[in-house]
């Protein structure tokens, strides 16, 4: 999942070198934290949060075969 989020984020931003994705695993939960440069935050969130929702939807679809919940946090 980390690679998927990283690939999507790097395609959206102006500074792909500043994209950082980390995974935190818990009890049946996988939390993916996405960090981008402050100037690229709007590109990742999108107008009205549409791009952020789309990223979360793609990750949810990709993780549908896992037995754990996946959350994407944009920091």
C-alpha atoms as a PDB file:
ATOM      1  CA  UNK A   1       0.000   0.000   0.000  1.00  0.00           C
ATOM      2  CA  UNK A   2       2.838   2.367   0.794  1.00  0.00           C
ATOM      3  CA  UNK A   3       4.161   2.158  -2.760  1.00  0.00           C
ATOM      4  CA  UNK A   4       0.713   2.826  -4.221  1.00  0.00           C
ATOM      5  CA  UNK A   5       0.170   5.992  -2.180  1.00  0.00           C
ATOM      6  CA  UNK A   6       3.720   7.157  -2.865  1.00  0.00           C
ATOM      7  CA  UNK A   7       3.328   6.696  -6.636  1.00  0.00           C
ATOM      8  CA  UNK A   8       0.034   8.588  -6.720  1.00  0.00           C
ATOM      9  CA  UNK A   9       1.352  11.432  -4.564  1.00  0.00           C
ATOM     10  CA  UNK A  10       4.572  11.849  -6.544  1.00  0.00           C
ATOM     11  CA  UNK A  11       2.555  12.131  -9.755  1.00  0.00           C
ATOM     12  CA  UNK A  12       0.474  14.979  -8.279  1.00  0.00           C
ATOM     13  CA  UNK A  13       3.045  17.242  -6.628  1.00  0.00           C
ATOM     14  CA  UNK A  14       5.679  19.692  -7.886  1.00  0.00           C
ATOM     15  CA  UNK A  15       8.298  18.446  -5.399  1.00  0.00           C
ATOM     16  CA  UNK A  16       8.245  14.631  -5.588  1.00  0.00           C
ATOM     17  CA  UNK A  17      11.467  14.378  -3.569  1.00  0.00           C
ATOM     18  CA  UNK A  18       9.629  15.714  -0.492  1.00  0.00           C
ATOM     19  CA  UNK A  19       6.919  13.041  -0.517  1.00  0.00           C
ATOM     20  CA  UNK A  20       7.167  10.763   2.534  1.00  0.00           C
ATOM     21  CA  UNK A  21       4.871   7.824   3.177  1.00  0.00           C
ATOM     22  CA  UNK A  22       4.954   5.765   6.359  1.00  0.00           C
ATOM     23  CA  UNK A  23       2.871   2.812   7.517  1.00  0.00           C
ATOM     24  CA  UNK A  24       1.757   2.119  11.072  1.00  0.00           C
ATOM     25  CA  UNK A  25       0.202  -1.275  11.736  1.00  0.00           C
ATOM     26  CA  UNK A  26      -2.063  -2.036  14.660  1.00  0.00           C
ATOM     27  CA  UNK A  27      -4.752  -4.532  15.595  1.00  0.00           C
ATOM     28  CA  UNK A  28      -6.339  -5.168  12.214  1.00  0.00           C
ATOM     29  CA  UNK A  29      -5.660  -1.581  11.163  1.00  0.00           C
ATOM     30  CA  UNK A  30      -3.124  -0.160   8.732  1.00  0.00           C
ATOM     31  CA  UNK A  31      -2.587   3.588   8.901  1.00  0.00           C
ATOM     32  CA  UNK A  32      -0.771   5.206   5.986  1.00  0.00           C
ATOM     33  CA  UNK A  33       0.625   8.679   6.665  1.00  0.00           C
ATOM     34  CA  UNK A  34       1.376  10.900   3.689  1.00  0.00           C
ATOM     35  CA  UNK A  35       3.578  13.981   4.068  1.00  0.00           C
ATOM     36  CA  UNK A  36       4.209  16.472   1.263  1.00  0.00           C
ATOM     37  CA  UNK A  37       5.771  19.916   0.975  1.00  0.00           C
ATOM     38  CA  UNK A  38       3.535  22.719   2.284  1.00  0.00           C
ATOM     39  CA  UNK A  39       3.193  24.182  -1.209  1.00  0.00           C
ATOM     40  CA  UNK A  40       1.935  20.852  -2.561  1.00  0.00           C
ATOM     41  CA  UNK A  41      -0.717  20.296   0.102  1.00  0.00           C
ATOM     42  CA  UNK A  42      -3.463  21.810  -2.048  1.00  0.00           C
ATOM     43  CA  UNK A  43      -2.575  19.572  -4.967  1.00  0.00           C
ATOM     44  CA  UNK A  44      -2.899  16.436  -2.845  1.00  0.00           C
ATOM     45  CA  UNK A  45      -6.125  17.478  -1.109  1.00  0.00           C
ATOM     46  CA  UNK A  46      -7.815  19.066  -4.114  1.00  0.00           C
ATOM     47  CA  UNK A  47     -10.778  21.391  -4.270  1.00  0.00           C
ATOM     48  CA  UNK A  48     -13.280  20.274  -1.691  1.00  0.00           C
ATOM     49  CA  UNK A  49     -11.079  17.293  -0.815  1.00  0.00           C
ATOM     50  CA  UNK A  50     -11.897  15.477  -4.045  1.00  0.00           C
ATOM     51  CA  UNK A  51      -8.365  14.233  -4.724  1.00  0.00           C
ATOM     52  CA  UNK A  52      -7.884  13.112  -1.114  1.00  0.00           C
ATOM     53  CA  UNK A  53     -11.162  11.171  -1.315  1.00  0.00           C
ATOM     54  CA  UNK A  54     -10.056   9.599  -4.600  1.00  0.00           C
ATOM     55  CA  UNK A  55      -6.722   8.504  -3.095  1.00  0.00           C
ATOM     56  CA  UNK A  56      -8.565   6.947  -0.166  1.00  0.00           C
ATOM     57  CA  UNK A  57     -10.999   5.187  -2.520  1.00  0.00           C
ATOM     58  CA  UNK A  58      -8.157   3.684  -4.583  1.00  0.00           C
ATOM     59  CA  UNK A  59      -6.379   2.468  -1.457  1.00  0.00           C
ATOM     60  CA  UNK A  60      -9.610   1.002  -0.097  1.00  0.00           C
ATOM     61  CA  UNK A  61     -10.233  -0.840  -3.372  1.00  0.00           C
ATOM     62  CA  UNK A  62      -6.657  -2.146  -3.455  1.00  0.00           C
ATOM     63  CA  UNK A  63      -6.909  -3.407   0.117  1.00  0.00           C
ATOM     64  CA  UNK A  64     -10.317  -5.039  -0.246  1.00  0.00           C
ATOM     65  CA  UNK A  65      -8.822  -8.537  -0.082  1.00  0.00           C
ATOM     66  CA  UNK A  66      -7.059  -7.841   3.228  1.00  0.00           C
ATOM     67  CA  UNK A  67      -8.845  -8.467   6.507  1.00  0.00           C
ATOM     68  CA  UNK A  68      -7.829  -5.114   7.947  1.00  0.00           C
ATOM     69  CA  UNK A  69      -9.006  -1.547   7.732  1.00  0.00           C
ATOM     70  CA  UNK A  70      -6.777   0.925   5.925  1.00  0.00           C
ATOM     71  CA  UNK A  71      -6.720   4.639   6.716  1.00  0.00           C
ATOM     72  CA  UNK A  72      -4.864   7.332   4.770  1.00  0.00           C
ATOM     73  CA  UNK A  73      -3.856  10.446   6.715  1.00  0.00           C
ATOM     74  CA  UNK A  74      -2.526  13.459   4.845  1.00  0.00           C
ATOM     75  CA  UNK A  75      -0.273  15.486   7.125  1.00  0.00           C
END
